[in-house]
């Protein structure tokens, strides 16, 4: 009985890991553990000016690093929640494209303004940007209340704009860059979705019946 139960648990876990967002969360957690136990690990993968000396992996590797337990938990909660919703809506491959495009472009912009930075926030804000466009009225819990997705996204953007003028140690420019990429990708994805919905498919048997009735010569 215990063997059957264990097999069912393992099978359930493996089925859940078909979602890419869970793999991304796992990589972030593993990387954070390595940050704590390996001296110099963070410095090797953090985003800094060394990218201009050929260390371009930092544009990607820094996405999976975090500055503390609070930073990690906050980002993983957001990635788990919004990542799950978006991946279910657009599929795994498009979800990964949104995540990495938002994260990398946000890093390419933020490295112009910060001496060093790390975290998945830019990529997560990209996910939020896409959701704000393709599911604007989806209700989410944010700032202690339930509100539409697009309102929550606007408030987060306003917070980051304020953070630029009143520095708080957060990479606000990376956040804004990520959400900007997400909005652009969301518009593209929403356009494709609407176009697909407008396509009318006529059953083949109906067409043949119509041809038999009206197209045959009298």
N, C-alpha and C. Protein backbone atom coordinates (compact mmCIF):
# COMPACT_ATOMS: atom_id res chain seq x y z
N UNK A 1 0.83 -1.21 0.00
CA UNK A 1 0.00 0.00 0.00
C UNK A 1 0.86 1.26 0.00
N UNK A 2 1.92 1.23 0.81
CA UNK A 2 2.82 2.38 0.89
C UNK A 2 3.52 2.61 -0.44
N UNK A 3 3.88 1.51 -1.12
CA UNK A 3 4.55 1.64 -2.41
C UNK A 3 3.63 2.30 -3.43
N UNK A 4 2.36 1.87 -3.45
CA UNK A 4 1.39 2.46 -4.38
C UNK A 4 1.21 3.94 -4.09
N UNK A 5 1.11 4.28 -2.79
CA UNK A 5 0.93 5.68 -2.39
C UNK A 5 2.14 6.51 -2.82
N UNK A 6 3.35 5.98 -2.60
CA UNK A 6 4.57 6.70 -2.99
C UNK A 6 4.63 6.91 -4.49
N UNK A 7 4.24 5.90 -5.25
CA UNK A 7 4.24 6.01 -6.70
C UNK A 7 3.24 7.07 -7.18
N UNK A 8 2.08 7.11 -6.53
CA UNK A 8 1.08 8.11 -6.88
C UNK A 8 1.57 9.52 -6.58
N UNK A 9 2.25 9.67 -5.45
CA UNK A 9 2.80 10.98 -5.08
C UNK A 9 3.85 11.42 -6.08
N UNK A 10 4.74 10.49 -6.42
CA UNK A 10 5.80 10.79 -7.39
C UNK A 10 5.19 11.15 -8.75
N UNK A 11 4.19 10.39 -9.16
CA UNK A 11 3.52 10.66 -10.43
C UNK A 11 2.86 12.03 -10.43
N UNK A 12 2.23 12.38 -9.31
CA UNK A 12 1.58 13.69 -9.20
C UNK A 12 2.61 14.82 -9.31
N UNK A 13 3.73 14.65 -8.60
CA UNK A 13 4.78 15.67 -8.61
C UNK A 13 5.35 15.84 -10.02
N UNK A 14 5.61 14.74 -10.70
CA UNK A 14 6.17 14.80 -12.05
C UNK A 14 5.21 15.47 -13.02
N UNK A 15 3.91 15.22 -12.84
CA UNK A 15 2.92 15.87 -13.72
C UNK A 15 2.91 17.37 -13.50
N UNK A 16 3.08 17.80 -12.25
CA UNK A 16 3.10 19.24 -11.98
C UNK A 16 4.32 19.90 -12.61
N UNK A 17 5.42 19.16 -12.67
CA UNK A 17 6.65 19.74 -13.20
C UNK A 17 6.68 19.80 -14.72
N UNK A 18 5.55 19.48 -15.35
CA UNK A 18 5.46 19.72 -16.79
C UNK A 18 5.35 21.21 -17.07
N UNK A 19 5.03 21.99 -16.04
CA UNK A 19 4.94 23.44 -16.18
C UNK A 19 6.32 24.07 -16.06
N UNK A 20 6.66 24.93 -17.01
CA UNK A 20 7.97 25.55 -17.02
C UNK A 20 8.17 26.51 -15.84
N UNK A 21 7.10 27.15 -15.38
CA UNK A 21 7.28 28.11 -14.30
C UNK A 21 7.81 27.43 -13.04
N UNK A 22 7.45 26.16 -12.82
CA UNK A 22 7.96 25.43 -11.66
C UNK A 22 9.44 25.14 -11.79
N UNK A 23 9.88 24.85 -13.00
CA UNK A 23 11.31 24.64 -13.23
C UNK A 23 12.09 25.93 -12.98
N UNK A 24 11.53 27.05 -13.40
CA UNK A 24 12.19 28.34 -13.18
C UNK A 24 12.29 28.66 -11.69
N UNK A 25 11.21 28.38 -10.95
CA UNK A 25 11.24 28.58 -9.50
C UNK A 25 12.31 27.69 -8.88
N UNK A 26 12.39 26.45 -9.32
CA UNK A 26 13.37 25.52 -8.78
C UNK A 26 14.80 25.98 -9.03
N UNK A 27 15.05 26.48 -10.24
CA UNK A 27 16.39 26.98 -10.56
C UNK A 27 16.76 28.16 -9.67
N UNK A 28 15.79 29.06 -9.45
CA UNK A 28 16.05 30.22 -8.59
C UNK A 28 16.38 29.78 -7.16
N UNK A 29 15.66 28.81 -6.65
CA UNK A 29 15.90 28.33 -5.28
C UNK A 29 17.27 27.66 -5.19
N UNK A 30 17.60 26.82 -6.17
CA UNK A 30 18.90 26.14 -6.17
C UNK A 30 20.03 27.16 -6.26
N UNK A 31 19.88 28.13 -7.14
CA UNK A 31 20.91 29.17 -7.29
C UNK A 31 21.09 29.95 -5.99
N UNK A 32 19.98 30.22 -5.29
CA UNK A 32 20.08 30.95 -4.03
C UNK A 32 20.83 30.14 -2.98
N UNK A 33 20.57 28.83 -2.94
CA UNK A 33 21.30 27.97 -2.01
C UNK A 33 22.79 27.98 -2.33
N UNK A 34 23.13 27.91 -3.62
CA UNK A 34 24.53 27.95 -4.02
C UNK A 34 25.17 29.29 -3.66
N UNK A 35 24.39 30.36 -3.73
CA UNK A 35 24.89 31.68 -3.31
C UNK A 35 25.33 31.67 -1.85
N UNK A 36 24.60 30.91 -1.04
CA UNK A 36 24.87 30.91 0.39
C UNK A 36 26.05 30.02 0.77
N UNK A 37 26.31 28.99 -0.02
CA UNK A 37 27.32 28.02 0.40
C UNK A 37 28.64 28.10 -0.39
N UNK A 38 28.62 28.78 -1.53
CA UNK A 38 29.85 28.86 -2.34
C UNK A 38 30.35 30.31 -2.37
N UNK A 39 31.49 30.56 -1.76
CA UNK A 39 32.06 31.92 -1.77
C UNK A 39 32.34 32.39 -3.20
N UNK A 40 31.94 33.61 -3.50
CA UNK A 40 32.20 34.19 -4.81
C UNK A 40 31.23 33.77 -5.90
N UNK A 41 30.25 32.94 -5.55
CA UNK A 41 29.28 32.45 -6.55
C UNK A 41 28.46 33.61 -7.10
N UNK A 42 27.95 34.46 -6.23
CA UNK A 42 27.12 35.59 -6.67
C UNK A 42 27.91 36.52 -7.58
N UNK A 43 29.16 36.82 -7.20
CA UNK A 43 29.98 37.74 -7.99
C UNK A 43 30.26 37.20 -9.39
N UNK A 44 30.26 35.88 -9.52
CA UNK A 44 30.54 35.26 -10.81
C UNK A 44 29.38 35.41 -11.78
N UNK A 45 28.14 35.50 -11.25
CA UNK A 45 26.96 35.48 -12.11
C UNK A 45 26.10 36.74 -12.04
N UNK A 46 26.40 37.67 -11.13
CA UNK A 46 25.62 38.89 -11.00
C UNK A 46 25.78 39.76 -12.24
N UNK A 47 24.80 40.60 -12.53
CA UNK A 47 24.88 41.52 -13.66
C UNK A 47 25.73 42.72 -13.29
N UNK A 48 26.80 42.96 -14.03
CA UNK A 48 27.63 44.14 -13.82
C UNK A 48 28.32 44.52 -15.14
N UNK A 49 29.21 45.47 -15.08
CA UNK A 49 29.84 45.99 -16.29
C UNK A 49 30.72 44.96 -17.00
N UNK A 50 30.99 43.84 -16.37
CA UNK A 50 31.81 42.80 -17.00
C UNK A 50 31.14 42.21 -18.25
N UNK A 51 29.83 42.46 -18.41
CA UNK A 51 29.16 41.95 -19.61
C UNK A 51 29.76 42.57 -20.86
N UNK A 52 30.29 43.77 -20.74
CA UNK A 52 30.88 44.44 -21.89
C UNK A 52 32.28 43.92 -22.18
N UNK A 53 32.79 43.07 -21.30
CA UNK A 53 34.11 42.45 -21.52
C UNK A 53 33.96 41.02 -22.03
N UNK A 54 32.76 40.66 -22.44
CA UNK A 54 32.52 39.34 -23.01
C UNK A 54 31.79 38.37 -22.11
N UNK A 55 31.51 38.77 -20.86
CA UNK A 55 30.82 37.86 -19.93
C UNK A 55 29.29 38.01 -20.08
N UNK A 56 28.82 37.70 -21.29
CA UNK A 56 27.42 37.97 -21.62
C UNK A 56 26.45 37.02 -20.89
N UNK A 57 26.97 35.94 -20.32
CA UNK A 57 26.07 35.03 -19.59
C UNK A 57 25.39 35.73 -18.42
N UNK A 58 25.98 36.83 -17.97
CA UNK A 58 25.42 37.55 -16.82
C UNK A 58 24.03 38.10 -17.12
N UNK A 59 23.74 38.37 -18.39
CA UNK A 59 22.40 38.86 -18.74
C UNK A 59 21.32 37.83 -18.37
N UNK A 60 21.68 36.55 -18.43
CA UNK A 60 20.72 35.49 -18.09
C UNK A 60 20.91 35.01 -16.66
N UNK A 61 22.16 34.74 -16.27
CA UNK A 61 22.41 34.14 -14.95
C UNK A 61 21.93 35.02 -13.80
N UNK A 62 22.02 36.34 -13.96
CA UNK A 62 21.62 37.25 -12.88
C UNK A 62 20.12 37.19 -12.60
N UNK A 63 19.35 36.74 -13.60
CA UNK A 63 17.90 36.62 -13.42
C UNK A 63 17.59 35.64 -12.28
N UNK A 64 18.44 34.63 -12.13
CA UNK A 64 18.17 33.55 -11.17
C UNK A 64 18.84 33.77 -9.81
N UNK A 65 19.49 34.90 -9.62
CA UNK A 65 20.11 35.23 -8.34
C UNK A 65 19.19 36.14 -7.53
N UNK A 66 19.33 36.08 -6.20
CA UNK A 66 18.53 36.96 -5.34
C UNK A 66 19.36 37.47 -4.17
N UNK A 67 18.96 38.64 -3.67
CA UNK A 67 19.75 39.31 -2.66
C UNK A 67 19.46 38.92 -1.23
N UNK A 68 18.47 38.09 -0.99
CA UNK A 68 18.12 37.69 0.37
C UNK A 68 16.89 36.80 0.36
N UNK A 69 16.56 36.25 1.51
CA UNK A 69 15.41 35.36 1.61
C UNK A 69 14.12 36.08 1.24
N UNK A 70 13.95 37.31 1.76
CA UNK A 70 12.74 38.09 1.46
C UNK A 70 12.61 38.36 -0.02
N UNK A 71 13.71 38.73 -0.65
CA UNK A 71 13.73 39.00 -2.09
C UNK A 71 13.32 37.74 -2.86
N UNK A 72 13.89 36.60 -2.48
CA UNK A 72 13.59 35.33 -3.13
C UNK A 72 12.12 34.95 -2.95
N UNK A 73 11.62 35.00 -1.72
CA UNK A 73 10.25 34.58 -1.46
C UNK A 73 9.24 35.45 -2.19
N UNK A 74 9.47 36.75 -2.17
CA UNK A 74 8.54 37.67 -2.84
C UNK A 74 8.50 37.39 -4.34
N UNK A 75 9.68 37.22 -4.95
CA UNK A 75 9.71 36.97 -6.39
C UNK A 75 9.15 35.60 -6.75
N UNK A 76 9.44 34.59 -5.93
CA UNK A 76 8.94 33.25 -6.24
C UNK A 76 7.43 33.15 -6.07
N UNK A 77 6.89 33.89 -5.12
CA UNK A 77 5.44 33.92 -4.97
C UNK A 77 4.81 34.53 -6.23
N UNK A 78 5.37 35.64 -6.69
CA UNK A 78 4.84 36.30 -7.89
C UNK A 78 5.02 35.43 -9.12
N UNK A 79 6.20 34.80 -9.26
CA UNK A 79 6.46 33.93 -10.41
C UNK A 79 5.54 32.71 -10.38
N UNK A 80 5.33 32.15 -9.18
CA UNK A 80 4.45 31.00 -9.06
C UNK A 80 3.01 31.33 -9.41
N UNK A 81 2.53 32.46 -8.92
CA UNK A 81 1.14 32.85 -9.15
C UNK A 81 0.91 33.30 -10.60
N UNK A 82 1.60 34.36 -11.01
CA UNK A 82 1.37 34.91 -12.34
C UNK A 82 1.95 34.03 -13.44
N UNK A 83 3.04 33.33 -13.12
CA UNK A 83 3.62 32.42 -14.10
C UNK A 83 2.68 31.28 -14.42
N UNK A 84 2.05 30.73 -13.40
CA UNK A 84 1.09 29.64 -13.61
C UNK A 84 -0.08 30.11 -14.48
N UNK A 85 -0.61 31.28 -14.17
CA UNK A 85 -1.76 31.80 -14.92
C UNK A 85 -1.39 32.03 -16.38
N UNK A 86 -0.23 32.68 -16.61
CA UNK A 86 0.14 33.00 -17.99
C UNK A 86 0.48 31.74 -18.79
N UNK A 87 1.20 30.81 -18.14
CA UNK A 87 1.56 29.60 -18.88
C UNK A 87 0.32 28.80 -19.28
N UNK A 88 -0.69 28.78 -18.42
CA UNK A 88 -1.93 28.10 -18.76
C UNK A 88 -2.65 28.78 -19.93
N UNK A 89 -2.48 30.10 -20.03
CA UNK A 89 -3.17 30.86 -21.07
C UNK A 89 -2.50 30.76 -22.43
N UNK A 90 -1.17 30.85 -22.45
CA UNK A 90 -0.47 30.95 -23.74
C UNK A 90 0.41 29.76 -24.07
N UNK A 91 0.57 28.83 -23.13
CA UNK A 91 1.41 27.66 -23.38
C UNK A 91 2.84 27.86 -22.90
N UNK A 92 3.53 26.75 -22.72
CA UNK A 92 4.86 26.76 -22.13
C UNK A 92 5.91 27.49 -22.94
N UNK A 93 5.97 27.26 -24.25
CA UNK A 93 7.02 27.86 -25.08
C UNK A 93 6.88 29.38 -25.15
N UNK A 94 5.66 29.86 -25.32
CA UNK A 94 5.45 31.30 -25.36
C UNK A 94 5.71 31.93 -23.99
N UNK A 95 5.37 31.19 -22.94
CA UNK A 95 5.64 31.67 -21.59
C UNK A 95 7.14 31.85 -21.38
N UNK A 96 7.94 30.86 -21.79
CA UNK A 96 9.39 30.97 -21.65
C UNK A 96 9.93 32.15 -22.46
N UNK A 97 9.37 32.36 -23.65
CA UNK A 97 9.79 33.48 -24.48
C UNK A 97 9.53 34.80 -23.76
N UNK A 98 8.36 34.94 -23.14
CA UNK A 98 8.04 36.15 -22.39
C UNK A 98 9.01 36.33 -21.22
N UNK A 99 9.24 35.26 -20.48
CA UNK A 99 10.10 35.34 -19.30
C UNK A 99 11.51 35.77 -19.66
N UNK A 100 12.12 35.08 -20.62
CA UNK A 100 13.52 35.37 -20.94
C UNK A 100 13.67 36.67 -21.73
N UNK A 101 12.75 36.96 -22.64
CA UNK A 101 12.83 38.23 -23.38
C UNK A 101 12.72 39.41 -22.43
N UNK A 102 11.77 39.35 -21.51
CA UNK A 102 11.58 40.44 -20.55
C UNK A 102 12.80 40.57 -19.63
N UNK A 103 13.27 39.43 -19.11
CA UNK A 103 14.40 39.46 -18.20
C UNK A 103 15.68 39.94 -18.84
N UNK A 104 15.97 39.45 -20.04
CA UNK A 104 17.23 39.83 -20.71
C UNK A 104 17.20 41.28 -21.15
N UNK A 105 16.11 41.72 -21.77
CA UNK A 105 16.03 43.11 -22.22
C UNK A 105 16.05 44.06 -21.03
N UNK A 106 15.35 43.69 -19.94
CA UNK A 106 15.40 44.51 -18.72
C UNK A 106 16.83 44.62 -18.20
N UNK A 107 17.58 43.54 -18.27
CA UNK A 107 18.98 43.57 -17.82
C UNK A 107 19.85 44.41 -18.75
N UNK A 108 19.59 44.33 -20.04
CA UNK A 108 20.37 45.11 -21.00
C UNK A 108 20.18 46.61 -20.80
N UNK A 109 18.99 46.98 -20.34
CA UNK A 109 18.73 48.39 -20.06
C UNK A 109 19.25 48.78 -18.68
N UNK A 110 19.00 47.95 -17.68
CA UNK A 110 19.37 48.31 -16.30
C UNK A 110 20.87 48.37 -16.10
N UNK A 111 21.65 47.60 -16.88
CA UNK A 111 23.11 47.63 -16.71
C UNK A 111 23.68 49.00 -17.08
N UNK A 112 22.89 49.78 -17.84
CA UNK A 112 23.31 51.14 -18.18
C UNK A 112 23.20 52.09 -16.98
N UNK A 113 22.40 51.69 -15.98
CA UNK A 113 22.11 52.60 -14.87
C UNK A 113 22.64 52.12 -13.52
N UNK A 114 22.82 50.81 -13.36
CA UNK A 114 23.25 50.27 -12.07
C UNK A 114 24.61 49.60 -12.21
N UNK A 115 25.44 49.76 -11.19
CA UNK A 115 26.76 49.12 -11.22
C UNK A 115 26.65 47.60 -11.14
N UNK A 116 25.63 47.11 -10.44
CA UNK A 116 25.36 45.67 -10.38
C UNK A 116 23.90 45.46 -10.01
N UNK A 117 23.34 44.34 -10.45
CA UNK A 117 21.94 44.04 -10.13
C UNK A 117 21.71 42.54 -10.28
N UNK A 118 20.65 42.07 -9.63
CA UNK A 118 20.28 40.67 -9.72
C UNK A 118 18.79 40.50 -9.42
N UNK A 119 18.24 39.35 -9.77
CA UNK A 119 16.84 39.08 -9.46
C UNK A 119 15.99 38.84 -10.69
N UNK A 120 14.87 38.16 -10.47
CA UNK A 120 13.94 37.82 -11.55
C UNK A 120 12.85 38.86 -11.74
N UNK A 121 12.96 39.99 -11.07
CA UNK A 121 11.88 40.97 -11.09
C UNK A 121 11.54 41.49 -12.48
N UNK A 122 12.57 41.75 -13.30
CA UNK A 122 12.31 42.24 -14.65
C UNK A 122 11.52 41.24 -15.47
N UNK A 123 11.89 39.96 -15.36
CA UNK A 123 11.17 38.90 -16.08
C UNK A 123 9.74 38.75 -15.56
N UNK A 124 9.58 38.84 -14.24
CA UNK A 124 8.25 38.71 -13.63
C UNK A 124 7.36 39.89 -14.03
N UNK A 125 7.94 41.08 -14.07
CA UNK A 125 7.17 42.24 -14.50
C UNK A 125 6.74 42.11 -15.96
N UNK A 126 7.56 41.42 -16.76
CA UNK A 126 7.16 41.14 -18.13
C UNK A 126 5.94 40.25 -18.18
N UNK A 127 5.90 39.25 -17.31
CA UNK A 127 4.74 38.37 -17.21
C UNK A 127 3.50 39.18 -16.81
N UNK A 128 3.67 40.06 -15.84
CA UNK A 128 2.57 40.91 -15.39
C UNK A 128 2.08 41.82 -16.52
N UNK A 129 3.02 42.35 -17.30
CA UNK A 129 2.66 43.21 -18.42
C UNK A 129 1.82 42.48 -19.45
N UNK A 130 2.19 41.25 -19.76
CA UNK A 130 1.41 40.45 -20.71
C UNK A 130 0.01 40.19 -20.17
N UNK A 131 -0.08 39.79 -18.90
CA UNK A 131 -1.39 39.51 -18.30
C UNK A 131 -2.28 40.75 -18.27
N UNK A 132 -1.67 41.91 -18.05
CA UNK A 132 -2.45 43.15 -18.00
C UNK A 132 -3.10 43.46 -19.35
N UNK A 133 -2.49 42.95 -20.42
CA UNK A 133 -3.04 43.19 -21.76
C UNK A 133 -4.03 42.11 -22.18
N UNK A 134 -3.68 40.84 -21.96
CA UNK A 134 -4.56 39.77 -22.47
C UNK A 134 -5.65 39.37 -21.48
N UNK A 135 -5.47 39.71 -20.20
CA UNK A 135 -6.51 39.42 -19.19
C UNK A 135 -6.66 40.63 -18.25
N UNK A 136 -7.00 41.80 -18.80
CA UNK A 136 -7.01 43.03 -17.99
C UNK A 136 -8.01 43.01 -16.84
N UNK A 137 -9.13 42.30 -17.00
CA UNK A 137 -10.16 42.31 -15.96
C UNK A 137 -10.07 41.13 -15.01
N UNK A 138 -9.05 40.33 -15.15
CA UNK A 138 -8.85 39.23 -14.21
C UNK A 138 -8.59 39.80 -12.82
N UNK A 139 -9.31 39.30 -11.83
CA UNK A 139 -9.18 39.84 -10.48
C UNK A 139 -8.01 39.19 -9.75
N UNK A 140 -7.17 40.03 -9.15
CA UNK A 140 -6.00 39.55 -8.40
C UNK A 140 -5.94 40.26 -7.05
N UNK A 141 -5.23 39.62 -6.13
CA UNK A 141 -5.03 40.20 -4.80
C UNK A 141 -3.73 41.00 -4.82
N UNK A 142 -3.83 42.31 -4.66
CA UNK A 142 -2.65 43.17 -4.68
C UNK A 142 -2.86 44.36 -3.75
N UNK A 143 -1.81 44.73 -3.04
CA UNK A 143 -1.86 45.88 -2.13
C UNK A 143 -2.95 45.71 -1.07
N UNK A 144 -3.23 44.47 -0.71
CA UNK A 144 -4.19 44.21 0.36
C UNK A 144 -5.64 44.19 -0.06
N UNK A 145 -5.92 44.35 -1.36
CA UNK A 145 -7.31 44.33 -1.83
C UNK A 145 -7.39 43.55 -3.14
N UNK A 146 -8.62 43.21 -3.53
CA UNK A 146 -8.84 42.54 -4.82
C UNK A 146 -9.12 43.61 -5.87
N UNK A 147 -8.42 43.52 -7.00
CA UNK A 147 -8.58 44.52 -8.06
C UNK A 147 -8.30 43.89 -9.42
N UNK A 148 -8.73 44.54 -10.51
CA UNK A 148 -8.44 44.03 -11.85
C UNK A 148 -6.94 44.01 -12.12
N UNK A 149 -6.51 43.09 -12.95
CA UNK A 149 -5.09 42.92 -13.25
C UNK A 149 -4.46 44.19 -13.79
N UNK A 150 -5.17 44.89 -14.67
CA UNK A 150 -4.56 46.07 -15.29
C UNK A 150 -4.39 47.21 -14.27
N UNK A 151 -5.29 47.28 -13.28
CA UNK A 151 -5.14 48.30 -12.24
C UNK A 151 -3.92 47.98 -11.37
N UNK A 152 -3.77 46.71 -11.01
CA UNK A 152 -2.61 46.30 -10.21
C UNK A 152 -1.32 46.60 -10.95
N UNK A 153 -1.29 46.32 -12.27
CA UNK A 153 -0.09 46.59 -13.06
C UNK A 153 0.22 48.08 -13.09
N UNK A 154 -0.80 48.91 -13.25
CA UNK A 154 -0.60 50.36 -13.27
C UNK A 154 -0.03 50.84 -11.94
N UNK A 155 -0.55 50.32 -10.83
CA UNK A 155 -0.06 50.73 -9.51
C UNK A 155 1.38 50.31 -9.30
N UNK A 156 1.74 49.11 -9.78
CA UNK A 156 3.14 48.68 -9.67
C UNK A 156 4.04 49.57 -10.51
N UNK A 157 3.57 49.95 -11.69
CA UNK A 157 4.35 50.85 -12.55
C UNK A 157 4.54 52.21 -11.88
N UNK A 158 3.46 52.75 -11.31
CA UNK A 158 3.55 54.04 -10.62
C UNK A 158 4.56 53.95 -9.47
N UNK A 159 4.51 52.84 -8.72
CA UNK A 159 5.46 52.65 -7.63
C UNK A 159 6.89 52.66 -8.11
N UNK A 160 7.15 52.04 -9.26
CA UNK A 160 8.52 52.01 -9.80
C UNK A 160 8.95 53.38 -10.34
N UNK A 161 8.01 54.11 -10.93
CA UNK A 161 8.33 55.47 -11.41
C UNK A 161 8.71 56.35 -10.22
N UNK A 162 7.95 56.26 -9.15
CA UNK A 162 8.28 57.02 -7.94
C UNK A 162 9.63 56.60 -7.41
N UNK A 163 9.91 55.28 -7.47
CA UNK A 163 11.18 54.77 -6.97
C UNK A 163 12.39 55.29 -7.71
N UNK A 164 12.20 55.70 -8.97
CA UNK A 164 13.32 56.28 -9.73
C UNK A 164 13.73 57.63 -9.14
N UNK A 165 12.73 58.41 -8.73
CA UNK A 165 13.01 59.75 -8.20
C UNK A 165 13.27 59.74 -6.70
N UNK A 166 12.77 58.71 -6.03
CA UNK A 166 13.04 58.55 -4.60
C UNK A 166 13.68 57.17 -4.43
N UNK A 167 14.98 57.06 -4.68
CA UNK A 167 15.66 55.75 -4.67
C UNK A 167 15.42 54.97 -3.38
N UNK A 168 15.11 53.68 -3.57
CA UNK A 168 14.85 52.82 -2.41
C UNK A 168 15.67 51.54 -2.46
N UNK A 169 16.70 51.54 -3.31
CA UNK A 169 17.56 50.37 -3.40
C UNK A 169 17.00 49.26 -4.27
N UNK A 170 15.91 49.53 -4.97
CA UNK A 170 15.27 48.55 -5.85
C UNK A 170 15.56 48.92 -7.31
N UNK A 171 15.72 47.90 -8.15
CA UNK A 171 16.00 48.15 -9.57
C UNK A 171 14.75 48.56 -10.33
N UNK A 172 14.26 49.77 -10.06
CA UNK A 172 13.00 50.23 -10.66
C UNK A 172 13.06 50.30 -12.18
N UNK A 173 14.22 50.69 -12.69
CA UNK A 173 14.35 50.79 -14.15
C UNK A 173 14.24 49.41 -14.79
N UNK A 174 14.79 48.39 -14.14
CA UNK A 174 14.68 47.02 -14.64
C UNK A 174 13.21 46.58 -14.63
N UNK A 175 12.49 46.94 -13.57
CA UNK A 175 11.08 46.58 -13.47
C UNK A 175 10.28 47.22 -14.61
N UNK A 176 10.51 48.50 -14.83
CA UNK A 176 9.77 49.22 -15.87
C UNK A 176 10.13 48.70 -17.26
N UNK A 177 11.39 48.36 -17.45
CA UNK A 177 11.81 47.81 -18.74
C UNK A 177 11.12 46.47 -18.98
N UNK A 178 11.07 45.64 -17.93
CA UNK A 178 10.43 44.33 -18.06
C UNK A 178 8.95 44.44 -18.38
N UNK A 179 8.25 45.31 -17.66
CA UNK A 179 6.82 45.44 -17.90
C UNK A 179 6.56 46.04 -19.28
N UNK A 180 7.46 46.92 -19.74
CA UNK A 180 7.32 47.48 -21.09
C UNK A 180 7.41 46.41 -22.16
N UNK A 181 8.39 45.52 -22.00
CA UNK A 181 8.52 44.39 -22.94
C UNK A 181 7.27 43.52 -22.87
N UNK A 182 6.78 43.28 -21.66
CA UNK A 182 5.58 42.46 -21.48
C UNK A 182 4.36 43.05 -22.16
N UNK A 183 4.19 44.36 -22.05
CA UNK A 183 3.04 45.02 -22.67
C UNK A 183 3.10 44.86 -24.19
N UNK A 184 4.28 45.07 -24.77
CA UNK A 184 4.44 44.93 -26.22
C UNK A 184 4.12 43.50 -26.65
N UNK A 185 4.66 42.52 -25.92
CA UNK A 185 4.40 41.12 -26.26
C UNK A 185 2.93 40.77 -26.02
N UNK A 186 2.32 41.37 -25.00
CA UNK A 186 0.91 41.14 -24.73
C UNK A 186 0.02 41.63 -25.85
N UNK A 187 0.35 42.79 -26.40
CA UNK A 187 -0.42 43.34 -27.53
C UNK A 187 -0.33 42.39 -28.72
N UNK A 188 0.87 41.88 -28.97
CA UNK A 188 1.07 40.95 -30.08
C UNK A 188 0.28 39.66 -29.85
N UNK A 189 0.38 39.11 -28.64
CA UNK A 189 -0.31 37.86 -28.33
C UNK A 189 -1.83 38.04 -28.33
N UNK A 190 -2.31 39.17 -27.85
CA UNK A 190 -3.75 39.44 -27.85
C UNK A 190 -4.27 39.58 -29.27
N UNK A 191 -3.48 40.23 -30.13
CA UNK A 191 -3.86 40.39 -31.53
C UNK A 191 -3.99 39.05 -32.23
N UNK A 192 -3.06 38.16 -31.96
CA UNK A 192 -3.11 36.83 -32.58
C UNK A 192 -4.31 36.05 -32.07
N UNK A 193 -4.61 36.21 -30.77
CA UNK A 193 -5.73 35.49 -30.18
C UNK A 193 -7.05 35.96 -30.78
N UNK A 194 -7.21 37.28 -30.94
CA UNK A 194 -8.44 37.83 -31.52
C UNK A 194 -8.59 37.40 -32.97
N UNK A 195 -7.49 37.45 -33.71
CA UNK A 195 -7.51 37.06 -35.11
C UNK A 195 -7.92 35.60 -35.26
N UNK A 196 -7.40 34.76 -34.35
CA UNK A 196 -7.73 33.34 -34.40
C UNK A 196 -9.20 33.11 -34.09
N UNK A 197 -9.74 33.90 -33.14
CA UNK A 197 -11.15 33.76 -32.79
C UNK A 197 -12.06 34.13 -33.94
N UNK A 198 -11.65 35.11 -34.76
CA UNK A 198 -12.49 35.60 -35.84
C UNK A 198 -12.54 34.64 -37.02
N UNK A 199 -11.62 33.70 -37.05
CA UNK A 199 -11.59 32.75 -38.15
C UNK A 199 -12.80 31.83 -38.08
N UNK A 200 -13.56 31.74 -39.17
CA UNK A 200 -14.77 30.92 -39.21
C UNK A 200 -14.47 29.65 -39.98
N UNK A 201 -14.71 28.52 -39.36
CA UNK A 201 -14.49 27.25 -40.01
C UNK A 201 -15.84 26.64 -40.42
N UNK A 202 -15.95 26.26 -41.69
CA UNK A 202 -17.18 25.66 -42.20
C UNK A 202 -16.93 24.17 -42.39
N UNK A 203 -17.73 23.33 -41.77
CA UNK A 203 -17.55 21.88 -41.91
C UNK A 203 -17.54 21.44 -43.37
N UNK A 204 -16.67 20.48 -43.69
CA UNK A 204 -16.52 20.03 -45.07
C UNK A 204 -17.81 19.38 -45.60
N UNK A 205 -18.52 18.61 -44.75
CA UNK A 205 -19.74 17.97 -45.21
C UNK A 205 -20.82 18.99 -45.55
N UNK A 206 -20.82 20.12 -44.82
CA UNK A 206 -21.79 21.18 -45.11
C UNK A 206 -21.49 21.80 -46.47
N UNK A 207 -20.20 22.01 -46.76
CA UNK A 207 -19.81 22.59 -48.04
C UNK A 207 -20.20 21.67 -49.20
N UNK A 208 -19.98 20.38 -49.02
CA UNK A 208 -20.35 19.44 -50.07
C UNK A 208 -21.84 19.42 -50.31
N UNK A 209 -22.62 19.48 -49.22
CA UNK A 209 -24.06 19.51 -49.34
C UNK A 209 -24.51 20.76 -50.09
N UNK A 210 -23.89 21.88 -49.77
CA UNK A 210 -24.23 23.15 -50.43
C UNK A 210 -23.89 23.09 -51.91
N UNK A 211 -22.73 22.50 -52.24
CA UNK A 211 -22.32 22.38 -53.63
C UNK A 211 -23.29 21.48 -54.41
N UNK A 212 -23.69 20.39 -53.76
CA UNK A 212 -24.62 19.45 -54.44
C UNK A 212 -25.95 20.13 -54.74
N UNK A 213 -26.40 20.99 -53.83
CA UNK A 213 -27.71 21.60 -54.00
C UNK A 213 -27.71 22.77 -54.97
N UNK A 214 -26.63 23.56 -54.95
CA UNK A 214 -26.68 24.82 -55.70
C UNK A 214 -25.67 24.95 -56.84
N UNK A 215 -24.61 24.13 -56.82
CA UNK A 215 -23.56 24.31 -57.81
C UNK A 215 -23.66 23.34 -58.98
N UNK A 216 -24.45 22.25 -58.83
CA UNK A 216 -24.57 21.32 -59.92
C UNK A 216 -25.35 21.93 -61.08
N UNK A 217 -24.92 21.66 -62.30
CA UNK A 217 -25.66 22.21 -63.45
C UNK A 217 -27.05 21.61 -63.56
N UNK A 218 -28.00 22.41 -63.90
CA UNK A 218 -29.40 21.97 -64.02
C UNK A 218 -29.58 21.18 -65.30
